[in-house]
Amino acid sequence: VKSGLQKAADKERRSLANMLEVMIRDYCGRNGVVIP
């Protein structure tokens, strides 16, 4: 999973932390979870 995350981050030229934050925000947005 970490390897996949790293590949996704590299593809978008992001850090692991930033890629994870982007993925979490995307998930929340698609599933009605509000991030204030």
ModelCIF file with pLDDT and N, C-alpha, C, O atoms, coordinates in Angstrom:
data_MODEL
#
_entry.id   MODEL 
#
_entity.id                         1 
_entity.type                       polymer 
_entity.pdbx_number_of_molecules   1 
#
_entity_poly.entity_id                      1 
_entity_poly.type                           'polypeptide(L)' 
_entity_poly.nstd_linkage                   no 
_entity_poly.nstd_monomer                   no 
_entity_poly.pdbx_seq_one_letter_code       VKSGLQKAADKERRSLANMLEVMIRDYCGRNGVVIP 
_entity_poly.pdbx_seq_one_letter_code_can   VKSGLQKAADKERRSLANMLEVMIRDYCGRNGVVIP 
_entity_poly.pdbx_strand_id                 A 
#
loop_
_entity_poly_seq.entity_id 
_entity_poly_seq.num 
_entity_poly_seq.mon_id 
_entity_poly_seq.hetero 
1 1  VAL n 
1 2  LYS n 
1 3  SER n 
1 4  GLY n 
1 5  LEU n 
1 6  GLN n 
1 7  LYS n 
1 8  ALA n 
1 9  ALA n 
1 10 ASP n 
1 11 LYS n 
1 12 GLU n 
1 13 ARG n 
1 14 ARG n 
1 15 SER n 
1 16 LEU n 
1 17 ALA n 
1 18 ASN n 
1 19 MET n 
1 20 LEU n 
1 21 GLU n 
1 22 VAL n 
1 23 MET n 
1 24 ILE n 
1 25 ARG n 
1 26 ASP n 
1 27 TYR n 
1 28 CYS n 
1 29 GLY n 
1 30 ARG n 
1 31 ASN n 
1 32 GLY n 
1 33 VAL n 
1 34 VAL n 
1 35 ILE n 
1 36 PRO n 
#
_struct_asym.id          A 
_struct_asym.entity_id   1 
#
loop_
_ma_qa_metric.id 
_ma_qa_metric.mode 
_ma_qa_metric.name 
_ma_qa_metric.software_group_id 
_ma_qa_metric.type 
1 global pLDDT . pLDDT 
2 local  pLDDT . pLDDT 
#
_ma_qa_metric_global.metric_id      1 
_ma_qa_metric_global.metric_value   95.00 
_ma_qa_metric_global.model_id       1 
_ma_qa_metric_global.ordinal_id     1 
#
loop_
_ma_qa_metric_local.label_asym_id 
_ma_qa_metric_local.label_comp_id 
_ma_qa_metric_local.label_seq_id 
_ma_qa_metric_local.metric_id 
_ma_qa_metric_local.metric_value 
_ma_qa_metric_local.model_id 
_ma_qa_metric_local.ordinal_id 
A VAL 1  2 97.00 1 1  
A LYS 2  2 97.00 1 2  
A SER 3  2 98.00 1 3  
A GLY 4  2 97.00 1 4  
A LEU 5  2 97.00 1 5  
A GLN 6  2 97.00 1 6  
A LYS 7  2 98.00 1 7  
A ALA 8  2 97.00 1 8  
A ALA 9  2 97.00 1 9  
A ASP 10 2 98.00 1 10 
A LYS 11 2 97.00 1 11 
A GLU 12 2 96.00 1 12 
A ARG 13 2 98.00 1 13 
A ARG 14 2 97.00 1 14 
A SER 15 2 96.00 1 15 
A LEU 16 2 95.00 1 16 
A ALA 17 2 94.00 1 17 
A ASN 18 2 95.00 1 18 
A MET 19 2 96.00 1 19 
A LEU 20 2 95.00 1 20 
A GLU 21 2 93.00 1 21 
A VAL 22 2 95.00 1 22 
A MET 23 2 96.00 1 23 
A ILE 24 2 95.00 1 24 
A ARG 25 2 93.00 1 25 
A ASP 26 2 95.00 1 26 
A TYR 27 2 96.00 1 27 
A CYS 28 2 95.00 1 28 
A GLY 29 2 93.00 1 29 
A ARG 30 2 96.00 1 30 
A ASN 31 2 96.00 1 31 
A GLY 32 2 93.00 1 32 
A VAL 33 2 94.00 1 33 
A VAL 34 2 89.00 1 34 
A ILE 35 2 87.00 1 35 
A PRO 36 2 82.00 1 36 
#
loop_
_atom_site.group_PDB 
_atom_site.id 
_atom_site.type_symbol 
_atom_site.label_atom_id 
_atom_site.label_alt_id 
_atom_site.label_comp_id 
_atom_site.label_asym_id 
_atom_site.label_entity_id 
_atom_site.label_seq_id 
_atom_site.pdbx_PDB_ins_code 
_atom_site.Cartn_x 
_atom_site.Cartn_y 
_atom_site.Cartn_z 
_atom_site.occupancy 
_atom_site.B_iso_or_equiv 
_atom_site.pdbx_formal_charge 
_atom_site.auth_seq_id 
_atom_site.auth_comp_id 
_atom_site.auth_asym_id 
_atom_site.auth_atom_id 
_atom_site.pdbx_PDB_model_num 
ATOM 1   N N  . VAL A 1 1  ? 0.847   -1.197 0.000   1.00 97.00 ? 1  VAL A N  1 
ATOM 2   C CA . VAL A 1 1  ? 0.000   0.000  0.000   1.00 97.00 ? 1  VAL A CA 1 
ATOM 3   C C  . VAL A 1 1  ? 0.880   1.243  0.000   1.00 97.00 ? 1  VAL A C  1 
ATOM 4   O O  . VAL A 1 1  ? 0.609   2.201  -0.723  1.00 97.00 ? 1  VAL A O  1 
ATOM 5   N N  . LYS A 1 2  ? 1.931   1.226  0.810   1.00 97.00 ? 2  LYS A N  1 
ATOM 6   C CA . LYS A 1 2  ? 2.850   2.368  0.832   1.00 97.00 ? 2  LYS A CA 1 
ATOM 7   C C  . LYS A 1 2  ? 3.513   2.555  -0.530  1.00 97.00 ? 2  LYS A C  1 
ATOM 8   O O  . LYS A 1 2  ? 3.699   3.682  -0.986  1.00 97.00 ? 2  LYS A O  1 
ATOM 9   N N  . SER A 1 3  ? 3.863   1.465  -1.163  1.00 98.00 ? 3  SER A N  1 
ATOM 10  C CA . SER A 1 3  ? 4.469   1.539  -2.493  1.00 98.00 ? 3  SER A CA 1 
ATOM 11  C C  . SER A 1 3  ? 3.497   2.167  -3.491  1.00 98.00 ? 3  SER A C  1 
ATOM 12  O O  . SER A 1 3  ? 3.889   3.001  -4.307  1.00 98.00 ? 3  SER A O  1 
ATOM 13  N N  . GLY A 1 4  ? 2.234   1.763  -3.422  1.00 97.00 ? 4  GLY A N  1 
ATOM 14  C CA . GLY A 1 4  ? 1.226   2.355  -4.300  1.00 97.00 ? 4  GLY A CA 1 
ATOM 15  C C  . GLY A 1 4  ? 1.035   3.828  -4.022  1.00 97.00 ? 4  GLY A C  1 
ATOM 16  O O  . GLY A 1 4  ? 0.900   4.626  -4.949  1.00 97.00 ? 4  GLY A O  1 
ATOM 17  N N  . LEU A 1 5  ? 1.024   4.196  -2.751  1.00 97.00 ? 5  LEU A N  1 
ATOM 18  C CA . LEU A 1 5  ? 0.895   5.601  -2.366  1.00 97.00 ? 5  LEU A CA 1 
ATOM 19  C C  . LEU A 1 5  ? 2.081   6.398  -2.893  1.00 97.00 ? 5  LEU A C  1 
ATOM 20  O O  . LEU A 1 5  ? 1.917   7.511  -3.392  1.00 97.00 ? 5  LEU A O  1 
ATOM 21  N N  . GLN A 1 6  ? 3.275   5.824  -2.782  1.00 97.00 ? 6  GLN A N  1 
ATOM 22  C CA . GLN A 1 6  ? 4.472   6.507  -3.266  1.00 97.00 ? 6  GLN A CA 1 
ATOM 23  C C  . GLN A 1 6  ? 4.419   6.700  -4.782  1.00 97.00 ? 6  GLN A C  1 
ATOM 24  O O  . GLN A 1 6  ? 4.800   7.756  -5.287  1.00 97.00 ? 6  GLN A O  1 
ATOM 25  N N  . LYS A 1 7  ? 3.950   5.688  -5.504  1.00 98.00 ? 7  LYS A N  1 
ATOM 26  C CA . LYS A 1 7  ? 3.829   5.799  -6.961  1.00 98.00 ? 7  LYS A CA 1 
ATOM 27  C C  . LYS A 1 7  ? 2.832   6.891  -7.341  1.00 98.00 ? 7  LYS A C  1 
ATOM 28  O O  . LYS A 1 7  ? 3.075   7.667  -8.265  1.00 98.00 ? 7  LYS A O  1 
ATOM 29  N N  . ALA A 1 8  ? 1.714   6.948  -6.626  1.00 97.00 ? 8  ALA A N  1 
ATOM 30  C CA . ALA A 1 8  ? 0.712   7.995  -6.894  1.00 97.00 ? 8  ALA A CA 1 
ATOM 31  C C  . ALA A 1 8  ? 1.292   9.370  -6.598  1.00 97.00 ? 8  ALA A C  1 
ATOM 32  O O  . ALA A 1 8  ? 1.087   10.312 -7.364  1.00 97.00 ? 8  ALA A O  1 
ATOM 33  N N  . ALA A 1 9  ? 2.019   9.489  -5.484  1.00 97.00 ? 9  ALA A N  1 
ATOM 34  C CA . ALA A 1 9  ? 2.633   10.766 -5.113  1.00 97.00 ? 9  ALA A CA 1 
ATOM 35  C C  . ALA A 1 9  ? 3.675   11.192 -6.147  1.00 97.00 ? 9  ALA A C  1 
ATOM 36  O O  . ALA A 1 9  ? 3.722   12.353 -6.552  1.00 97.00 ? 9  ALA A O  1 
ATOM 37  N N  . ASP A 1 10 ? 4.492   10.257 -6.559  1.00 98.00 ? 10 ASP A N  1 
ATOM 38  C CA . ASP A 1 10 ? 5.519   10.566 -7.566  1.00 98.00 ? 10 ASP A CA 1 
ATOM 39  C C  . ASP A 1 10 ? 4.877   11.030 -8.873  1.00 98.00 ? 10 ASP A C  1 
ATOM 40  O O  . ASP A 1 10 ? 5.353   11.974 -9.503  1.00 98.00 ? 10 ASP A O  1 
ATOM 41  N N  . LYS A 1 11 ? 3.796   10.365 -9.276  1.00 97.00 ? 11 LYS A N  1 
ATOM 42  C CA . LYS A 1 11 ? 3.117   10.703 -10.521 1.00 97.00 ? 11 LYS A CA 1 
ATOM 43  C C  . LYS A 1 11 ? 2.613   12.145 -10.506 1.00 97.00 ? 11 LYS A C  1 
ATOM 44  O O  . LYS A 1 11 ? 2.630   12.828 -11.530 1.00 97.00 ? 11 LYS A O  1 
ATOM 45  N N  . GLU A 1 12 ? 2.162   12.602 -9.330  1.00 96.00 ? 12 GLU A N  1 
ATOM 46  C CA . GLU A 1 12 ? 1.649   13.963 -9.208  1.00 96.00 ? 12 GLU A CA 1 
ATOM 47  C C  . GLU A 1 12 ? 2.657   14.937 -8.611  1.00 96.00 ? 12 GLU A C  1 
ATOM 48  O O  . GLU A 1 12 ? 2.335   16.091 -8.328  1.00 96.00 ? 12 GLU A O  1 
ATOM 49  N N  . ARG A 1 13 ? 3.876   14.456 -8.426  1.00 98.00 ? 13 ARG A N  1 
ATOM 50  C CA . ARG A 1 13 ? 4.954   15.280 -7.842  1.00 98.00 ? 13 ARG A CA 1 
ATOM 51  C C  . ARG A 1 13 ? 4.556   15.863 -6.489  1.00 98.00 ? 13 ARG A C  1 
ATOM 52  O O  . ARG A 1 13 ? 4.705   17.058 -6.234  1.00 98.00 ? 13 ARG A O  1 
ATOM 53  N N  . ARG A 1 14 ? 4.050   14.992 -5.641  1.00 97.00 ? 14 ARG A N  1 
ATOM 54  C CA . ARG A 1 14 ? 3.635   15.370 -4.290  1.00 97.00 ? 14 ARG A CA 1 
ATOM 55  C C  . ARG A 1 14 ? 4.434   14.564 -3.278  1.00 97.00 ? 14 ARG A C  1 
ATOM 56  O O  . ARG A 1 14 ? 5.010   13.526 -3.604  1.00 97.00 ? 14 ARG A O  1 
ATOM 57  N N  . SER A 1 15 ? 4.459   15.060 -2.045  1.00 96.00 ? 15 SER A N  1 
ATOM 58  C CA . SER A 1 15 ? 5.036   14.275 -0.955  1.00 96.00 ? 15 SER A CA 1 
ATOM 59  C C  . SER A 1 15 ? 4.021   13.204 -0.558  1.00 96.00 ? 15 SER A C  1 
ATOM 60  O O  . SER A 1 15 ? 2.845   13.294 -0.912  1.00 96.00 ? 15 SER A O  1 
ATOM 61  N N  . LEU A 1 16 ? 4.478   12.195 0.177   1.00 95.00 ? 16 LEU A N  1 
ATOM 62  C CA . LEU A 1 16 ? 3.557   11.171 0.678   1.00 95.00 ? 16 LEU A CA 1 
ATOM 63  C C  . LEU A 1 16 ? 2.466   11.805 1.534   1.00 95.00 ? 16 LEU A C  1 
ATOM 64  O O  . LEU A 1 16 ? 1.288   11.481 1.386   1.00 95.00 ? 16 LEU A O  1 
ATOM 65  N N  . ALA A 1 17 ? 2.855   12.703 2.424   1.00 94.00 ? 17 ALA A N  1 
ATOM 66  C CA . ALA A 1 17 ? 1.885   13.341 3.311   1.00 94.00 ? 17 ALA A CA 1 
ATOM 67  C C  . ALA A 1 17 ? 0.851   14.136 2.526   1.00 94.00 ? 17 ALA A C  1 
ATOM 68  O O  . ALA A 1 17 ? -0.342  14.067 2.820   1.00 94.00 ? 17 ALA A O  1 
ATOM 69  N N  . ASN A 1 18 ? 1.304   14.888 1.531   1.00 95.00 ? 18 ASN A N  1 
ATOM 70  C CA . ASN A 1 18 ? 0.373   15.689 0.746   1.00 95.00 ? 18 ASN A CA 1 
ATOM 71  C C  . ASN A 1 18 ? -0.545  14.802 -0.089  1.00 95.00 ? 18 ASN A C  1 
ATOM 72  O O  . ASN A 1 18 ? -1.733  15.097 -0.225  1.00 95.00 ? 18 ASN A O  1 
ATOM 73  N N  . MET A 1 19 ? -0.005  13.714 -0.650  1.00 96.00 ? 19 MET A N  1 
ATOM 74  C CA . MET A 1 19 ? -0.828  12.808 -1.447  1.00 96.00 ? 19 MET A CA 1 
ATOM 75  C C  . MET A 1 19 ? -1.900  12.171 -0.573  1.00 96.00 ? 19 MET A C  1 
ATOM 76  O O  . MET A 1 19 ? -3.046  12.037 -1.001  1.00 96.00 ? 19 MET A O  1 
ATOM 77  N N  . LEU A 1 20 ? -1.547  11.783 0.628   1.00 95.00 ? 20 LEU A N  1 
ATOM 78  C CA . LEU A 1 20 ? -2.509  11.191 1.553   1.00 95.00 ? 20 LEU A CA 1 
ATOM 79  C C  . LEU A 1 20 ? -3.590  12.198 1.919   1.00 95.00 ? 20 LEU A C  1 
ATOM 80  O O  . LEU A 1 20 ? -4.767  11.847 1.990   1.00 95.00 ? 20 LEU A O  1 
ATOM 81  N N  . GLU A 1 21 ? -3.196  13.452 2.155   1.00 93.00 ? 21 GLU A N  1 
ATOM 82  C CA . GLU A 1 21 ? -4.182  14.488 2.467   1.00 93.00 ? 21 GLU A CA 1 
ATOM 83  C C  . GLU A 1 21 ? -5.135  14.721 1.294   1.00 93.00 ? 21 GLU A C  1 
ATOM 84  O O  . GLU A 1 21 ? -6.341  14.869 1.491   1.00 93.00 ? 21 GLU A O  1 
ATOM 85  N N  . VAL A 1 22 ? -4.596  14.752 0.078   1.00 95.00 ? 22 VAL A N  1 
ATOM 86  C CA . VAL A 1 22 ? -5.425  14.926 -1.117  1.00 95.00 ? 22 VAL A CA 1 
ATOM 87  C C  . VAL A 1 22 ? -6.421  13.771 -1.233  1.00 95.00 ? 22 VAL A C  1 
ATOM 88  O O  . VAL A 1 22 ? -7.598  13.986 -1.521  1.00 95.00 ? 22 VAL A O  1 
ATOM 89  N N  . MET A 1 23 ? -5.948  12.556 -1.010  1.00 96.00 ? 23 MET A N  1 
ATOM 90  C CA . MET A 1 23 ? -6.828  11.386 -1.108  1.00 96.00 ? 23 MET A CA 1 
ATOM 91  C C  . MET A 1 23 ? -7.921  11.417 -0.042  1.00 96.00 ? 23 MET A C  1 
ATOM 92  O O  . MET A 1 23 ? -9.072  11.084 -0.326  1.00 96.00 ? 23 MET A O  1 
ATOM 93  N N  . ILE A 1 24 ? -7.577  11.806 1.162   1.00 95.00 ? 24 ILE A N  1 
ATOM 94  C CA . ILE A 1 24 ? -8.565  11.885 2.239   1.00 95.00 ? 24 ILE A CA 1 
ATOM 95  C C  . ILE A 1 24 ? -9.597  12.958 1.942   1.00 95.00 ? 24 ILE A C  1 
ATOM 96  O O  . ILE A 1 24 ? -10.794 12.736 2.126   1.00 95.00 ? 24 ILE A O  1 
ATOM 97  N N  . ARG A 1 25 ? -9.147  14.118 1.484   1.00 93.00 ? 25 ARG A N  1 
ATOM 98  C CA . ARG A 1 25 ? -10.090 15.191 1.138   1.00 93.00 ? 25 ARG A CA 1 
ATOM 99  C C  . ARG A 1 25 ? -11.018 14.771 0.003   1.00 93.00 ? 25 ARG A C  1 
ATOM 100 O O  . ARG A 1 25 ? -12.208 15.087 0.017   1.00 93.00 ? 25 ARG A O  1 
ATOM 101 N N  . ASP A 1 26 ? -10.472 14.062 -0.974  1.00 95.00 ? 26 ASP A N  1 
ATOM 102 C CA . ASP A 1 26 ? -11.293 13.573 -2.084  1.00 95.00 ? 26 ASP A CA 1 
ATOM 103 C C  . ASP A 1 26 ? -12.342 12.585 -1.572  1.00 95.00 ? 26 ASP A C  1 
ATOM 104 O O  . ASP A 1 26 ? -13.517 12.689 -1.921  1.00 95.00 ? 26 ASP A O  1 
ATOM 105 N N  . TYR A 1 27 ? -11.923 11.643 -0.756  1.00 96.00 ? 27 TYR A N  1 
ATOM 106 C CA . TYR A 1 27 ? -12.853 10.655 -0.193  1.00 96.00 ? 27 TYR A CA 1 
ATOM 107 C C  . TYR A 1 27 ? -13.963 11.346 0.597   1.00 96.00 ? 27 TYR A C  1 
ATOM 108 O O  . TYR A 1 27 ? -15.143 11.041 0.425   1.00 96.00 ? 27 TYR A O  1 
ATOM 109 N N  . CYS A 1 28 ? -13.573 12.268 1.453   1.00 95.00 ? 28 CYS A N  1 
ATOM 110 C CA . CYS A 1 28 ? -14.560 12.984 2.273   1.00 95.00 ? 28 CYS A CA 1 
ATOM 111 C C  . CYS A 1 28 ? -15.536 13.759 1.395   1.00 95.00 ? 28 CYS A C  1 
ATOM 112 O O  . CYS A 1 28 ? -16.741 13.741 1.643   1.00 95.00 ? 28 CYS A O  1 
ATOM 113 N N  . GLY A 1 29 ? -15.034 14.426 0.393   1.00 93.00 ? 29 GLY A N  1 
ATOM 114 C CA . GLY A 1 29 ? -15.893 15.186 -0.510  1.00 93.00 ? 29 GLY A CA 1 
ATOM 115 C C  . GLY A 1 29 ? -16.898 14.308 -1.237  1.00 93.00 ? 29 GLY A C  1 
ATOM 116 O O  . GLY A 1 29 ? -18.046 14.708 -1.434  1.00 93.00 ? 29 GLY A O  1 
ATOM 117 N N  . ARG A 1 30 ? -16.472 13.110 -1.638  1.00 96.00 ? 30 ARG A N  1 
ATOM 118 C CA . ARG A 1 30 ? -17.357 12.204 -2.362  1.00 96.00 ? 30 ARG A CA 1 
ATOM 119 C C  . ARG A 1 30 ? -18.345 11.487 -1.460  1.00 96.00 ? 30 ARG A C  1 
ATOM 120 O O  . ARG A 1 30 ? -19.348 10.956 -1.937  1.00 96.00 ? 30 ARG A O  1 
ATOM 121 N N  . ASN A 1 31 ? -18.070 11.465 -0.144  1.00 96.00 ? 31 ASN A N  1 
ATOM 122 C CA . ASN A 1 31 ? -18.904 10.701 0.777   1.00 96.00 ? 31 ASN A CA 1 
ATOM 123 C C  . ASN A 1 31 ? -19.618 11.562 1.812   1.00 96.00 ? 31 ASN A C  1 
ATOM 124 O O  . ASN A 1 31 ? -20.101 11.055 2.824   1.00 96.00 ? 31 ASN A O  1 
ATOM 125 N N  . GLY A 1 32 ? -19.682 12.851 1.557   1.00 93.00 ? 32 GLY A N  1 
ATOM 126 C CA . GLY A 1 32 ? -20.441 13.745 2.422   1.00 93.00 ? 32 GLY A CA 1 
ATOM 127 C C  . GLY A 1 32 ? -19.855 13.975 3.799   1.00 93.00 ? 32 GLY A C  1 
ATOM 128 O O  . GLY A 1 32 ? -20.571 14.365 4.721   1.00 93.00 ? 32 GLY A O  1 
ATOM 129 N N  . VAL A 1 33 ? -18.571 13.740 3.950   1.00 94.00 ? 33 VAL A N  1 
ATOM 130 C CA . VAL A 1 33 ? -17.904 14.001 5.222   1.00 94.00 ? 33 VAL A CA 1 
ATOM 131 C C  . VAL A 1 33 ? -17.345 15.416 5.155   1.00 94.00 ? 33 VAL A C  1 
ATOM 132 O O  . VAL A 1 33 ? -16.480 15.715 4.331   1.00 94.00 ? 33 VAL A O  1 
ATOM 133 N N  . VAL A 1 34 ? -17.849 16.282 6.029   1.00 89.00 ? 34 VAL A N  1 
ATOM 134 C CA . VAL A 1 34 ? -17.461 17.689 5.989   1.00 89.00 ? 34 VAL A CA 1 
ATOM 135 C C  . VAL A 1 34 ? -16.145 17.903 6.736   1.00 89.00 ? 34 VAL A C  1 
ATOM 136 O O  . VAL A 1 34 ? -15.979 17.478 7.879   1.00 89.00 ? 34 VAL A O  1 
ATOM 137 N N  . ILE A 1 35 ? -15.235 18.562 6.067   1.00 87.00 ? 35 ILE A N  1 
ATOM 138 C CA . ILE A 1 35 ? -14.007 19.028 6.713   1.00 87.00 ? 35 ILE A CA 1 
ATOM 139 C C  . ILE A 1 35 ? -14.221 20.523 6.894   1.00 87.00 ? 35 ILE A C  1 
ATOM 140 O O  . ILE A 1 35 ? -14.187 21.266 5.913   1.00 87.00 ? 35 ILE A O  1 
ATOM 141 N N  . PRO A 1 36 ? -14.442 20.987 8.125   1.00 82.00 ? 36 PRO A N  1 
ATOM 142 C CA . PRO A 1 36 ? -14.863 22.373 8.364   1.00 82.00 ? 36 PRO A CA 1 
ATOM 143 C C  . PRO A 1 36 ? -14.076 23.438 7.628   1.00 82.00 ? 36 PRO A C  1 
ATOM 144 O O  . PRO A 1 36 ? -14.363 24.627 7.771   1.00 82.00 ? 36 PRO A O  1 
#
